Amino acid sequence: MNSYMDMFNKKMNLIQKKLINDRGFKQFDDFFSVCGSYAAFISVSDIEEQAYVFRASAQTVREAWEKAKSNALEFICEENFNPLWIKADITMKGEKQSLSEVITKFSKGYGQFFRRGISFDEKLDAALIEAEINANALLDYKGKKIEIDVLNKYLEENDLKALAELPQNVILFDCKSVFCDEKNNVYELYAEGRNAGRRKIAGFNKDTALGVIMSSSEYLAIQIDEEGQFIYGYYPTVPEIIPGYNIMRHASSIWSLLCAYRITSDKITLNQAERAIDYMIRNMAYKYPQREDRENVLYLFEATKHEVKIGGNAVAIIVLTEYMNIVGTYKYKKIATELGNGILELFDERNGSFFHVLKYPSLAPRDRFRTVYYDGETVFALSRLYGLTKEQRFLDVAKQATDRFIRRNYEQYADHWVAYSINELTKYVPEEKYFKFGLKNVRDNLEKIYKTPTTYHTYLELLCVSFEMVCRMKEQNLKCSGLEDFDEKKLVKTIFHRAEYMLNGYGYPEYVMYFTQPENYLGAFFIRHDNYRIRIDDVQHFCGAYYALYRNYEKLDALRD
């Protein structure tokens, strides 16, 4: 017990030095004009359990701080609690506002996107920091309300007085915050805005990208069981495993593991990817009876939905060609080719479109169109397959489908798979019309991507893969109208902006400590506006995005302002 007390005191001294620094407690004086009180919060976690939040309010910051420390220390001693992670917050900025205005504000935004603390009384006795508000679903974003029963349940669980009724006015506040990890590393956190609660970094660099690639790929590898199937995902604030399964997302998650392996050379990552590939292959079905030494038509089927998706065949090809390239084998060449045959059977050469979904096991038609993503995935896969087999038929279909992308203005979808497909196709067909379309696909979406408030992961893939294409055009001196006027600096600026902003969805300990069972989500990625969803394809897209940045980092950094 004394060791935990000593650990707490050591960490708190480090935190206080960073939090208070040479400006002292006076730096918080501005908050006094709001309500006459200050509040301090100390969150502690042993990494296994959701953080406990200890708070205190007083007429001076020092008094509130000492009370909060005392409350936390008392708990640690009584419960013999291991305070591996500690986060401290002190109110520093705030204003009174009507509760109706607050509800209007958070109702207009994305779920879990209201990033300020709320006090439901003027003395700050019922003050809650943003992290606990959102991680415990105390705001009903969809219902556009605050349920007093839900709020009171949380207040009572935290030894706070329940409210007889919701107040007409509340106090909104931001905090100066510091986090100390299990190794006694101390980080100052952003105090306000969409970055609130995340550690400050000097600037996004190659090591930052490598760190998130390593941790997110490790997370994915751990999710694979002995049969090769992933744990599909979690809602970590409940906690609740996401039901169902999606074999396409299974396949794409393998791809990110393979990409990560290119960087890390981690044998466990490769072994787990191979196990997941075996599972993927067991979910494939031949259209015709097998005959020795004869090619067949092969489909990846979705057992839970009883259907075949053309995108499934496409992603499976991408995975198998990636694996063969990494390992230096042709082990899956026949399977990849037969999956390609399945794609060609779903191609309509009259207009360059693909039929998207079949019923399984009958293979009867189901949906001519399901999602635009399947089209880009399929062209990417066919281009990859041509690179493997050199069979012209695959390249011809990829070209015809891309011609349709151009006619149908596919740049409107800001689709990362389209960027992957154009980058891959132009390696074999360096025609101006395809390069021009690839430039348009990124240029027309730059402004929207830069301003997007969510950590939408696929945008960074689109940006980095398009940058790769632009570099190849310049290195090979390929002519294309529009390239001379293309704002490469703006593209690079947007890439680094999104790369750092997306860290707001990264499983830093200062974020996941407020989830149940935080150690399970450390180093993964979450989707804040869907109840912090952590699903394998979410992690895959983040990991893939940072991998695309990492492999182009030196070129990007050379153009960085």
Protein backbone atom coordinates (compact mmCIF):
# COMPACT_ATOMS: atom_id res chain seq x y z
CA MET A 1 0.00 0.00 0.00
CA ASN A 2 2.80 2.41 0.90
CA SER A 3 4.41 1.76 -2.48
CA TYR A 4 1.21 2.87 -4.23
CA MET A 5 1.02 5.95 -2.03
CA ASP A 6 4.64 6.77 -2.83
CA MET A 7 3.97 6.20 -6.52
CA PHE A 8 1.00 8.54 -6.40
CA ASN A 9 2.94 11.25 -4.59
CA LYS A 10 5.86 10.99 -7.02
CA LYS A 11 3.58 11.25 -10.04
CA MET A 12 1.62 14.13 -8.53
CA ASN A 13 4.82 16.06 -7.89
CA LEU A 14 5.80 15.61 -11.54
CA ILE A 15 2.31 16.62 -12.66
CA GLN A 16 2.18 19.65 -10.39
CA LYS A 17 5.54 20.86 -11.65
CA LYS A 18 4.22 20.70 -15.23
CA LEU A 19 0.71 21.92 -14.47
CA ILE A 20 1.53 24.83 -12.22
CA ASN A 21 5.02 25.61 -13.61
CA ASP A 22 6.67 28.93 -12.89
CA ARG A 23 3.43 30.88 -13.35
CA GLY A 24 2.01 29.43 -10.14
CA PHE A 25 -1.66 29.18 -9.21
CA LYS A 26 -2.30 32.77 -10.28
CA GLN A 27 -2.53 31.69 -13.90
CA PHE A 28 -5.99 30.30 -13.10
CA ASP A 29 -7.34 33.54 -11.61
CA ASP A 30 -9.42 34.45 -14.66
CA PHE A 31 -11.85 31.66 -13.87
CA PHE A 32 -12.79 33.33 -10.58
CA SER A 33 -14.78 36.01 -12.41
CA VAL A 34 -17.10 33.34 -13.83
CA CYS A 35 -18.53 31.91 -10.64
CA GLY A 36 -16.33 32.64 -7.64
CA SER A 37 -15.08 29.05 -7.37
CA TYR A 38 -12.42 26.82 -8.87
CA ALA A 39 -12.37 23.09 -9.41
CA ALA A 40 -9.61 20.50 -9.68
CA PHE A 41 -9.95 16.95 -10.98
CA ILE A 42 -7.61 14.00 -10.59
CA SER A 43 -8.29 10.87 -12.65
CA VAL A 44 -6.50 7.64 -11.74
CA SER A 45 -6.40 4.31 -13.55
CA ASP A 46 -4.57 1.03 -13.01
CA ILE A 47 -4.87 0.45 -16.80
CA GLU A 48 -7.26 -2.44 -16.17
CA GLU A 49 -10.21 -0.38 -14.90
CA GLN A 50 -11.97 2.74 -16.09
CA ALA A 51 -10.49 5.83 -14.46
CA TYR A 52 -11.84 7.04 -11.15
CA VAL A 53 -12.30 10.81 -11.13
CA PHE A 54 -11.75 12.70 -7.87
CA ARG A 55 -12.77 16.32 -7.74
CA ALA A 56 -12.93 19.23 -5.39
CA SER A 57 -14.10 22.83 -5.58
CA ALA A 58 -13.02 25.78 -3.47
CA GLN A 59 -12.59 29.56 -3.52
CA THR A 60 -8.89 29.21 -4.33
CA VAL A 61 -7.17 26.97 -6.87
CA ARG A 62 -4.65 25.79 -4.31
CA GLU A 63 -7.38 24.66 -1.91
CA ALA A 64 -9.30 22.84 -4.66
CA TRP A 65 -6.08 21.19 -5.83
CA GLU A 66 -5.07 19.98 -2.37
CA LYS A 67 -8.58 18.65 -1.66
CA ALA A 68 -8.68 16.72 -4.93
CA LYS A 69 -5.24 15.24 -4.21
CA SER A 70 -6.33 14.24 -0.73
CA ASN A 71 -9.49 12.57 -2.05
CA ALA A 72 -7.51 10.59 -4.62
CA LEU A 73 -4.82 9.57 -2.13
CA GLU A 74 -7.41 8.40 0.38
CA PHE A 75 -8.94 6.12 -2.26
CA ILE A 76 -5.54 4.72 -3.28
CA CYS A 77 -4.63 3.88 0.29
CA GLU A 78 -8.01 2.40 1.19
CA GLU A 79 -8.36 0.31 -1.97
CA ASN A 80 -4.68 -0.55 -2.39
CA PHE A 81 -5.06 0.87 -5.89
CA ASN A 82 -2.20 0.98 -8.37
CA PRO A 83 -2.20 4.52 -9.91
CA LEU A 84 -0.29 3.72 -13.09
CA TRP A 85 -1.97 6.52 -15.05
CA ILE A 86 -2.88 9.88 -13.56
CA LYS A 87 -4.48 12.82 -15.32
CA ALA A 88 -4.97 16.17 -13.60
CA ASP A 89 -7.27 19.02 -14.69
CA ILE A 90 -7.78 22.50 -13.27
CA THR A 91 -10.50 24.88 -14.46
CA MET A 92 -8.94 27.74 -16.39
CA LYS A 93 -11.59 29.26 -18.65
CA GLY A 94 -15.36 29.26 -18.62
CA GLU A 95 -18.66 31.05 -18.88
CA LYS A 96 -22.25 30.77 -17.75
CA GLN A 97 -24.74 29.66 -20.35
CA SER A 98 -28.33 28.54 -20.40
CA LEU A 99 -28.81 24.81 -20.48
CA SER A 100 -31.08 25.15 -23.49
CA GLU A 101 -28.24 26.83 -25.43
CA VAL A 102 -25.86 24.05 -24.45
CA ILE A 103 -28.29 21.39 -25.63
CA THR A 104 -28.74 23.24 -28.91
CA LYS A 105 -24.96 23.37 -29.35
CA PHE A 106 -24.22 19.72 -28.78
CA SER A 107 -27.29 18.64 -30.75
CA LYS A 108 -25.95 20.35 -33.87
CA GLY A 109 -22.63 18.53 -33.73
CA TYR A 110 -21.45 14.96 -34.07
CA GLY A 111 -21.95 12.54 -31.21
CA GLN A 112 -19.37 12.85 -28.40
CA PHE A 113 -18.07 16.01 -30.09
CA PHE A 114 -19.02 18.53 -27.39
CA ARG A 115 -15.56 19.11 -25.95
CA ARG A 116 -16.10 21.18 -22.79
CA GLY A 117 -16.67 20.43 -19.14
CA ILE A 118 -20.04 21.25 -17.60
CA SER A 119 -20.91 22.25 -14.05
CA PHE A 120 -24.55 21.86 -13.09
CA ASP A 121 -24.16 24.21 -10.13
CA GLU A 122 -22.43 27.56 -9.56
CA LYS A 123 -20.12 26.31 -6.82
CA LEU A 124 -18.69 23.65 -9.14
CA ASP A 125 -19.64 20.87 -6.74
CA ALA A 126 -21.36 19.09 -9.65
CA ALA A 127 -18.67 19.85 -12.24
CA LEU A 128 -17.78 17.12 -14.75
CA ILE A 129 -14.87 17.14 -17.17
CA GLU A 130 -15.41 16.51 -20.88
CA ALA A 131 -13.78 13.07 -20.90
CA GLU A 132 -16.12 11.61 -18.29
CA ILE A 133 -19.18 13.30 -19.80
CA ASN A 134 -18.67 11.73 -23.22
CA ALA A 135 -17.21 8.39 -22.15
CA ASN A 136 -20.22 7.83 -19.90
CA ALA A 137 -22.81 9.05 -22.44
CA LEU A 138 -24.21 11.77 -20.17
CA LEU A 139 -25.37 13.83 -23.16
CA ASP A 140 -28.06 12.40 -25.41
CA TYR A 141 -26.83 13.66 -28.79
CA LYS A 142 -29.45 11.85 -30.84
CA GLY A 143 -32.33 12.69 -28.52
CA LYS A 144 -31.10 16.29 -28.18
CA LYS A 145 -31.47 16.32 -24.42
CA ILE A 146 -29.91 15.54 -21.07
CA GLU A 147 -31.72 12.86 -19.09
CA ILE A 148 -31.73 13.81 -15.41
CA ASP A 149 -31.98 10.15 -14.37
CA VAL A 150 -28.86 9.26 -16.35
CA LEU A 151 -27.00 12.28 -14.98
CA ASN A 152 -28.08 11.65 -11.38
CA LYS A 153 -27.05 8.01 -11.58
CA TYR A 154 -23.56 9.08 -12.54
CA LEU A 155 -23.43 11.82 -9.88
CA GLU A 156 -24.46 9.39 -7.17
CA GLU A 157 -21.99 6.75 -8.33
CA ASN A 158 -19.29 9.38 -7.86
CA ASP A 159 -20.50 10.45 -4.40
CA LEU A 160 -21.96 13.69 -5.69
CA LYS A 161 -25.33 15.09 -4.73
CA ALA A 162 -28.15 14.29 -7.13
CA LEU A 163 -30.06 17.13 -8.75
CA ALA A 164 -33.69 17.73 -7.90
CA GLU A 165 -34.07 19.12 -11.40
CA LEU A 166 -31.91 20.27 -14.26
CA PRO A 167 -30.78 23.88 -13.74
CA GLN A 168 -31.72 26.64 -16.15
CA ASN A 169 -28.09 27.74 -16.38
CA VAL A 170 -24.82 25.83 -16.29
CA ILE A 171 -21.14 26.72 -16.36
CA LEU A 172 -19.10 25.57 -19.33
CA PHE A 173 -15.37 25.30 -18.75
CA ASP A 174 -12.04 24.23 -20.18
CA CYS A 175 -9.15 22.88 -18.16
CA LYS A 176 -5.42 23.02 -18.14
CA SER A 177 -4.52 19.34 -18.11
CA VAL A 178 -1.47 17.13 -17.60
CA PHE A 179 -1.08 13.36 -17.90
CA CYS A 180 1.52 11.05 -16.33
CA ASP A 181 1.96 7.52 -17.68
CA GLU A 182 3.19 4.28 -16.10
CA LYS A 183 6.81 5.22 -16.86
CA ASN A 184 6.41 8.65 -15.25
CA ASN A 185 6.51 10.45 -18.57
CA VAL A 186 4.53 13.68 -18.22
CA TYR A 187 2.57 15.31 -21.04
CA GLU A 188 0.77 18.61 -21.24
CA LEU A 189 -2.59 18.21 -22.96
CA TYR A 190 -4.54 20.50 -25.24
CA ALA A 191 -6.98 22.56 -23.19
CA GLU A 192 -9.76 23.32 -25.64
CA GLY A 193 -11.23 22.73 -29.08
CA ARG A 194 -11.30 19.47 -30.97
CA ASN A 195 -7.83 18.48 -29.73
CA ALA A 196 -8.91 18.82 -26.09
CA GLY A 197 -7.52 16.15 -23.82
CA ARG A 198 -4.78 14.95 -26.20
CA ARG A 199 -1.09 15.33 -25.54
CA LYS A 200 0.71 18.15 -27.29
CA ILE A 201 3.42 17.15 -29.73
CA ALA A 202 6.15 19.35 -31.18
CA GLY A 203 5.13 18.36 -34.69
CA PHE A 204 4.09 15.30 -36.62
CA ASN A 205 7.16 13.40 -37.83
CA LYS A 206 8.21 10.00 -39.09
CA ASP A 207 8.59 8.58 -35.60
CA THR A 208 5.03 9.62 -34.80
CA ALA A 209 3.77 7.73 -37.84
CA LEU A 210 5.89 4.69 -36.99
CA GLY A 211 4.59 4.63 -33.44
CA VAL A 212 0.93 4.52 -34.44
CA ILE A 213 1.59 1.96 -37.20
CA MET A 214 3.33 -0.34 -34.73
CA SER A 215 0.71 -0.06 -32.01
CA SER A 216 -2.32 -0.31 -34.30
CA SER A 217 -0.93 -3.30 -36.19
CA GLU A 218 -0.11 -4.97 -32.88
CA TYR A 219 -3.69 -4.35 -31.80
CA LEU A 220 -5.01 -5.98 -34.99
CA ALA A 221 -2.68 -8.96 -34.65
CA ILE A 222 -3.89 -9.57 -31.09
CA GLN A 223 -7.50 -9.63 -32.28
CA ILE A 224 -6.89 -12.75 -34.43
CA ASP A 225 -7.80 -16.05 -32.79
CA GLU A 226 -6.39 -19.52 -33.47
CA GLU A 227 -8.88 -20.05 -36.29
CA GLY A 228 -7.73 -16.88 -38.03
CA GLN A 229 -10.84 -14.83 -37.29
CA PHE A 230 -10.71 -11.34 -35.83
CA ILE A 231 -12.63 -10.07 -32.86
CA TYR A 232 -14.74 -7.78 -35.00
CA GLY A 233 -14.84 -4.72 -32.78
CA TYR A 234 -15.97 -3.02 -29.59
CA TYR A 235 -17.96 -0.19 -28.18
CA PRO A 236 -15.39 0.43 -25.44
CA THR A 237 -17.43 2.65 -23.15
CA VAL A 238 -20.00 -0.10 -22.51
CA PRO A 239 -18.03 -2.43 -23.09
CA GLU A 240 -19.75 -4.37 -25.80
CA ILE A 241 -18.46 -6.54 -28.64
CA ILE A 242 -19.88 -5.46 -31.99
CA PRO A 243 -22.00 -8.35 -33.32
CA GLY A 244 -21.77 -9.87 -36.76
CA TYR A 245 -18.83 -10.25 -39.11
CA ASN A 246 -17.75 -8.82 -42.43
CA ILE A 247 -15.32 -10.87 -44.50
CA MET A 248 -14.36 -7.84 -46.62
CA ARG A 249 -13.26 -5.97 -43.51
CA HIS A 250 -11.47 -9.11 -42.41
CA ALA A 251 -9.52 -9.08 -45.68
CA SER A 252 -8.70 -5.38 -45.66
CA SER A 253 -7.43 -5.69 -42.09
CA ILE A 254 -4.97 -8.35 -43.22
CA TRP A 255 -3.69 -5.90 -45.81
CA SER A 256 -2.77 -3.32 -43.17
CA LEU A 257 -0.98 -6.02 -41.15
CA LEU A 258 1.08 -6.89 -44.21
CA CYS A 259 1.88 -3.24 -44.87
CA ALA A 260 2.96 -2.82 -41.25
CA TYR A 261 5.16 -5.91 -41.56
CA ARG A 262 7.04 -4.23 -44.40
CA ILE A 263 8.18 -1.65 -41.84
CA THR A 264 8.48 -3.62 -38.62
CA SER A 265 9.58 -7.07 -39.87
CA ASP A 266 7.72 -8.43 -36.86
CA LYS A 267 7.31 -12.22 -37.28
CA ILE A 268 4.24 -12.37 -35.04
CA THR A 269 2.49 -9.86 -37.29
CA LEU A 270 3.27 -11.97 -40.37
CA ASN A 271 2.23 -15.21 -38.67
CA GLN A 272 -1.09 -13.72 -37.62
CA ALA A 273 -1.66 -12.33 -41.12
CA GLU A 274 -1.02 -15.80 -42.58
CA ARG A 275 -3.51 -17.31 -40.13
CA ALA A 276 -6.11 -14.72 -41.18
CA ILE A 277 -5.39 -15.40 -44.87
CA ASP A 278 -6.14 -19.08 -44.30
CA TYR A 279 -9.46 -18.12 -42.73
CA MET A 280 -10.23 -15.85 -45.69
CA ILE A 281 -9.53 -18.66 -48.16
CA ARG A 282 -11.83 -21.00 -46.25
CA ASN A 283 -14.57 -18.47 -46.98
CA MET A 284 -14.18 -18.80 -50.74
CA ALA A 285 -16.38 -20.85 -53.04
CA TYR A 286 -15.90 -22.08 -56.61
CA LYS A 287 -18.63 -21.48 -59.15
CA TYR A 288 -18.01 -24.68 -61.07
CA PRO A 289 -16.88 -28.17 -60.03
CA GLN A 290 -13.12 -28.29 -59.63
CA ARG A 291 -11.09 -29.87 -62.43
CA GLU A 292 -7.40 -30.51 -62.13
CA ASP A 293 -5.16 -27.99 -63.93
CA ARG A 294 -8.14 -25.91 -65.03
CA GLU A 295 -8.92 -22.38 -63.93
CA ASN A 296 -12.24 -21.84 -62.18
CA VAL A 297 -14.29 -18.86 -61.06
CA LEU A 298 -13.83 -18.12 -57.39
CA TYR A 299 -15.81 -15.88 -55.03
CA LEU A 300 -15.23 -14.67 -51.50
CA PHE A 301 -18.55 -15.14 -49.75
CA GLU A 302 -20.10 -13.38 -46.77
CA ALA A 303 -21.51 -16.18 -44.62
CA THR A 304 -23.46 -13.93 -42.25
CA LYS A 305 -25.29 -12.10 -45.05
CA HIS A 306 -25.42 -15.02 -47.52
CA GLU A 307 -23.98 -12.97 -50.34
CA VAL A 308 -20.97 -12.39 -52.57
CA LYS A 309 -19.67 -8.86 -52.99
CA ILE A 310 -17.40 -7.92 -55.86
CA GLY A 311 -15.47 -5.77 -53.41
CA GLY A 312 -14.71 -8.92 -51.43
CA ASN A 313 -13.02 -10.53 -54.41
CA ALA A 314 -11.13 -7.30 -55.01
CA VAL A 315 -9.78 -6.91 -51.47
CA ALA A 316 -8.86 -10.60 -51.35
CA ILE A 317 -6.75 -10.12 -54.50
CA ILE A 318 -5.09 -7.06 -52.97
CA VAL A 319 -4.21 -9.08 -49.86
CA LEU A 320 -2.88 -12.09 -51.76
CA THR A 321 -0.76 -10.04 -54.17
CA GLU A 322 0.64 -8.02 -51.24
CA TYR A 323 1.54 -11.19 -49.37
CA MET A 324 3.18 -12.83 -52.38
CA ASN A 325 5.22 -9.71 -53.08
CA ILE A 326 6.43 -9.50 -49.49
CA VAL A 327 7.30 -13.19 -49.07
CA GLY A 328 8.57 -13.72 -52.61
CA THR A 329 6.24 -16.53 -53.65
CA TYR A 330 3.58 -17.39 -56.22
CA LYS A 331 1.70 -19.56 -53.74
CA TYR A 332 -1.65 -17.83 -54.26
CA LYS A 333 -1.32 -16.90 -57.94
CA LYS A 334 -3.97 -19.39 -59.10
CA ILE A 335 -6.42 -18.36 -56.38
CA ALA A 336 -5.88 -14.67 -57.16
CA THR A 337 -6.43 -15.32 -60.85
CA GLU A 338 -9.65 -17.23 -60.19
CA LEU A 339 -10.89 -14.42 -57.98
CA GLY A 340 -10.14 -12.13 -60.93
CA ASN A 341 -12.21 -14.43 -63.14
CA GLY A 342 -15.07 -13.90 -60.71
CA ILE A 343 -14.72 -10.14 -61.13
CA LEU A 344 -14.72 -10.39 -64.91
CA GLU A 345 -17.96 -12.38 -64.82
CA LEU A 346 -19.54 -9.40 -63.06
CA PHE A 347 -18.26 -6.84 -65.58
CA ASP A 348 -20.59 -5.22 -68.09
CA GLU A 349 -18.42 -4.26 -71.05
CA ARG A 350 -21.29 -2.30 -72.60
CA ASN A 351 -20.89 0.54 -70.09
CA GLY A 352 -17.83 -0.30 -68.00
CA SER A 353 -19.77 -1.05 -64.81
CA PHE A 354 -19.55 -3.92 -62.35
CA PHE A 355 -22.46 -5.88 -60.89
CA HIS A 356 -21.92 -5.54 -57.15
CA VAL A 357 -23.68 -8.26 -55.15
CA LEU A 358 -24.83 -11.84 -55.71
CA LYS A 359 -26.83 -14.12 -53.45
CA TYR A 360 -24.93 -16.97 -51.86
CA PRO A 361 -24.79 -19.89 -52.44
CA SER A 362 -27.07 -19.64 -55.49
CA LEU A 363 -24.98 -16.82 -57.07
CA ALA A 364 -28.23 -15.29 -58.31
CA PRO A 365 -28.22 -11.49 -58.82
CA ARG A 366 -28.96 -9.38 -55.74
CA ASP A 367 -27.78 -5.75 -56.09
CA ARG A 368 -26.50 -4.15 -59.27
CA PHE A 369 -25.03 -1.35 -57.12
CA ARG A 370 -24.21 -1.38 -53.41
CA THR A 371 -21.50 1.22 -52.77
CA VAL A 372 -19.09 3.26 -54.86
CA TYR A 373 -16.18 1.83 -52.88
CA TYR A 374 -16.48 -1.53 -54.67
CA ASP A 375 -15.67 0.07 -58.03
CA GLY A 376 -12.38 1.59 -56.89
CA GLU A 377 -11.38 -1.54 -55.00
CA THR A 378 -12.03 -3.64 -58.09
CA VAL A 379 -9.94 -1.53 -60.48
CA PHE A 380 -7.13 -1.49 -57.93
CA ALA A 381 -7.29 -5.28 -57.65
CA LEU A 382 -7.38 -5.84 -61.42
CA SER A 383 -4.35 -3.59 -61.86
CA ARG A 384 -2.55 -5.53 -59.14
CA LEU A 385 -3.56 -8.79 -60.81
CA TYR A 386 -2.19 -7.61 -64.14
CA GLY A 387 1.08 -6.84 -62.40
CA LEU A 388 1.16 -10.44 -61.16
CA THR A 389 -0.06 -12.31 -64.25
CA LYS A 390 0.58 -9.91 -67.17
CA GLU A 391 -2.77 -11.05 -68.57
CA GLN A 392 -4.09 -8.22 -70.74
CA ARG A 393 -7.74 -9.04 -70.04
CA PHE A 394 -7.46 -7.80 -66.47
CA LEU A 395 -5.84 -4.54 -67.52
CA ASP A 396 -8.37 -3.96 -70.28
CA VAL A 397 -11.28 -4.21 -67.85
CA ALA A 398 -9.50 -1.92 -65.37
CA LYS A 399 -9.12 0.69 -68.13
CA GLN A 400 -12.74 0.45 -69.26
CA ALA A 401 -13.98 0.79 -65.68
CA THR A 402 -11.73 3.80 -65.09
CA ASP A 403 -13.01 5.44 -68.26
CA ARG A 404 -16.43 5.16 -66.66
CA PHE A 405 -15.09 6.80 -63.46
CA ILE A 406 -14.06 9.75 -65.60
CA ARG A 407 -17.39 9.95 -67.42
CA ARG A 408 -19.34 9.69 -64.16
CA ASN A 409 -17.20 12.26 -62.31
CA TYR A 410 -16.13 9.87 -59.55
CA GLU A 411 -14.01 12.60 -57.98
CA GLN A 412 -17.25 13.77 -56.34
CA TYR A 413 -17.04 10.84 -53.91
CA ALA A 414 -13.62 11.72 -52.42
CA ASP A 415 -12.95 7.98 -52.51
CA HIS A 416 -9.60 6.66 -51.33
CA TRP A 417 -10.07 3.45 -53.35
CA VAL A 418 -10.29 5.50 -56.52
CA ALA A 419 -6.95 7.09 -55.57
CA TYR A 420 -5.41 3.64 -55.01
CA SER A 421 -6.80 2.41 -58.33
CA ILE A 422 -5.48 5.35 -60.36
CA ASN A 423 -2.08 5.16 -58.70
CA GLU A 424 -1.85 1.46 -59.54
CA LEU A 425 -3.33 1.63 -63.05
CA THR A 426 -1.00 4.41 -64.19
CA LYS A 427 2.01 2.26 -63.35
CA TYR A 428 1.03 0.19 -66.38
CA VAL A 429 -1.01 2.68 -68.41
CA PRO A 430 0.65 6.11 -68.02
CA GLU A 431 -1.93 7.92 -70.10
CA GLU A 432 -2.67 11.58 -69.58
CA LYS A 433 -6.43 11.12 -69.11
CA TYR A 434 -5.87 8.87 -66.11
CA PHE A 435 -3.30 11.15 -64.51
CA LYS A 436 -5.56 14.13 -65.10
CA PHE A 437 -8.42 12.33 -63.37
CA GLY A 438 -6.16 11.33 -60.47
CA LEU A 439 -5.17 14.97 -59.97
CA LYS A 440 -8.79 16.05 -60.10
CA ASN A 441 -9.76 13.41 -57.55
CA VAL A 442 -7.47 14.96 -54.95
CA ARG A 443 -7.53 18.64 -56.00
CA ASP A 444 -11.30 18.99 -55.93
CA ASN A 445 -11.48 17.52 -52.43
CA LEU A 446 -8.58 19.23 -50.68
CA GLU A 447 -10.59 22.03 -49.07
CA LYS A 448 -13.28 19.68 -47.79
CA ILE A 449 -10.73 17.24 -46.42
CA TYR A 450 -8.78 19.96 -44.63
CA LYS A 451 -11.89 21.23 -42.84
CA THR A 452 -13.56 17.90 -42.04
CA PRO A 453 -14.29 17.91 -38.27
CA THR A 454 -14.16 14.13 -37.78
CA THR A 455 -10.98 12.05 -37.89
CA TYR A 456 -12.31 10.41 -41.07
CA HIS A 457 -9.48 8.00 -41.76
CA THR A 458 -9.73 7.26 -45.48
CA TYR A 459 -9.04 10.86 -46.46
CA LEU A 460 -5.39 10.58 -45.46
CA GLU A 461 -5.08 7.49 -47.64
CA LEU A 462 -6.51 9.42 -50.59
CA LEU A 463 -4.07 12.29 -49.99
CA CYS A 464 -0.91 10.21 -49.54
CA VAL A 465 -1.57 7.82 -52.42
CA SER A 466 -2.31 10.77 -54.71
CA PHE A 467 0.93 12.42 -53.58
CA GLU A 468 2.74 9.22 -54.50
CA MET A 469 1.25 9.39 -57.99
CA VAL A 470 2.28 13.05 -58.39
CA CYS A 471 5.85 12.21 -57.37
CA ARG A 472 6.03 9.42 -59.91
CA MET A 473 4.77 11.75 -62.64
CA LYS A 474 7.51 14.23 -61.88
CA GLU A 475 10.26 11.65 -61.46
CA GLN A 476 9.39 10.03 -64.79
CA ASN A 477 8.84 13.40 -66.48
CA LEU A 478 5.32 12.40 -67.51
CA LYS A 479 3.35 15.13 -69.22
CA CYS A 480 -0.13 16.00 -68.03
CA SER A 481 -2.16 19.15 -68.41
CA GLY A 482 -2.94 20.37 -64.94
CA LEU A 483 0.25 19.14 -63.30
CA GLU A 484 2.08 22.44 -63.68
CA ASP A 485 -0.72 24.28 -61.89
CA PHE A 486 -1.22 21.59 -59.27
CA ASP A 487 -0.65 23.02 -55.77
CA GLU A 488 1.65 20.39 -54.33
CA LYS A 489 2.40 22.54 -51.27
CA LYS A 490 -1.29 22.69 -50.40
CA LEU A 491 -1.52 18.93 -50.72
CA VAL A 492 1.44 18.43 -48.39
CA LYS A 493 0.04 20.95 -45.90
CA THR A 494 -3.28 19.10 -45.89
CA ILE A 495 -1.54 15.75 -45.40
CA PHE A 496 0.33 16.87 -42.29
CA HIS A 497 -2.72 18.69 -40.95
CA ARG A 498 -4.86 15.57 -41.27
CA ALA A 499 -2.11 13.28 -39.97
CA GLU A 500 -1.88 15.20 -36.70
CA TYR A 501 -5.61 15.87 -36.42
CA MET A 502 -6.38 12.15 -36.80
CA LEU A 503 -4.48 11.52 -33.58
CA ASN A 504 -7.65 12.71 -31.86
CA GLY A 505 -8.94 9.23 -32.66
CA TYR A 506 -5.81 7.40 -31.47
CA GLY A 507 -5.83 5.26 -28.33
CA TYR A 508 -3.55 7.41 -26.22
CA PRO A 509 -3.81 6.47 -22.53
CA GLU A 510 -5.20 9.90 -21.64
CA TYR A 511 -8.17 9.02 -23.86
CA VAL A 512 -8.71 5.31 -23.21
CA MET A 513 -8.36 5.61 -19.42
CA TYR A 514 -12.01 6.73 -19.40
CA PHE A 515 -13.12 3.58 -21.25
CA THR A 516 -13.96 0.36 -19.46
CA GLN A 517 -10.98 -2.06 -19.64
CA PRO A 518 -8.64 0.59 -21.08
CA GLU A 519 -5.69 -1.74 -21.66
CA ASN A 520 -7.72 -3.53 -24.34
CA TYR A 521 -7.88 -0.40 -26.49
CA LEU A 522 -4.48 1.16 -25.92
CA GLY A 523 -2.82 2.01 -29.23
CA ALA A 524 -5.89 1.31 -31.34
CA PHE A 525 -8.10 3.87 -33.10
CA PHE A 526 -11.66 4.84 -32.31
CA ILE A 527 -14.51 6.64 -34.04
CA ARG A 528 -15.63 9.23 -31.51
CA HIS A 529 -18.95 10.11 -33.11
CA ASP A 530 -20.11 6.47 -33.09
CA ASN A 531 -19.79 5.93 -29.34
CA TYR A 532 -16.00 5.58 -29.67
CA ARG A 533 -16.40 2.53 -31.91
CA ILE A 534 -13.25 0.46 -32.39
CA ARG A 535 -13.73 -1.91 -35.33
CA ILE A 536 -11.06 -3.79 -37.26
CA ASP A 537 -11.63 -1.82 -40.45
CA ASP A 538 -11.40 1.47 -38.54
CA VAL A 539 -7.99 0.48 -37.22
CA GLN A 540 -7.04 -0.84 -40.67
CA HIS A 541 -7.76 2.44 -42.42
CA PHE A 542 -5.86 4.48 -39.84
CA CYS A 543 -2.92 2.10 -39.99
CA GLY A 544 -2.99 2.09 -43.80
CA ALA A 545 -3.15 5.86 -43.93
CA TYR A 546 -0.11 6.32 -41.73
CA TYR A 547 1.71 3.62 -43.66
CA ALA A 548 1.09 5.54 -46.90
CA LEU A 549 2.47 8.66 -45.22
CA TYR A 550 5.45 6.80 -43.73
CA ARG A 551 6.61 5.32 -47.00
CA ASN A 552 6.55 8.78 -48.61
CA TYR A 553 7.74 10.71 -45.58
CA GLU A 554 11.08 12.03 -46.86
CA LYS A 555 9.50 13.45 -50.02
CA LEU A 556 6.65 14.96 -48.01
CA ASP A 557 8.96 16.48 -45.45
CA ALA A 558 11.10 18.09 -48.17
CA LEU A 559 8.02 20.05 -49.31
CA ARG A 560 6.83 20.92 -45.81
CA ASP A 561 6.60 24.59 -44.83
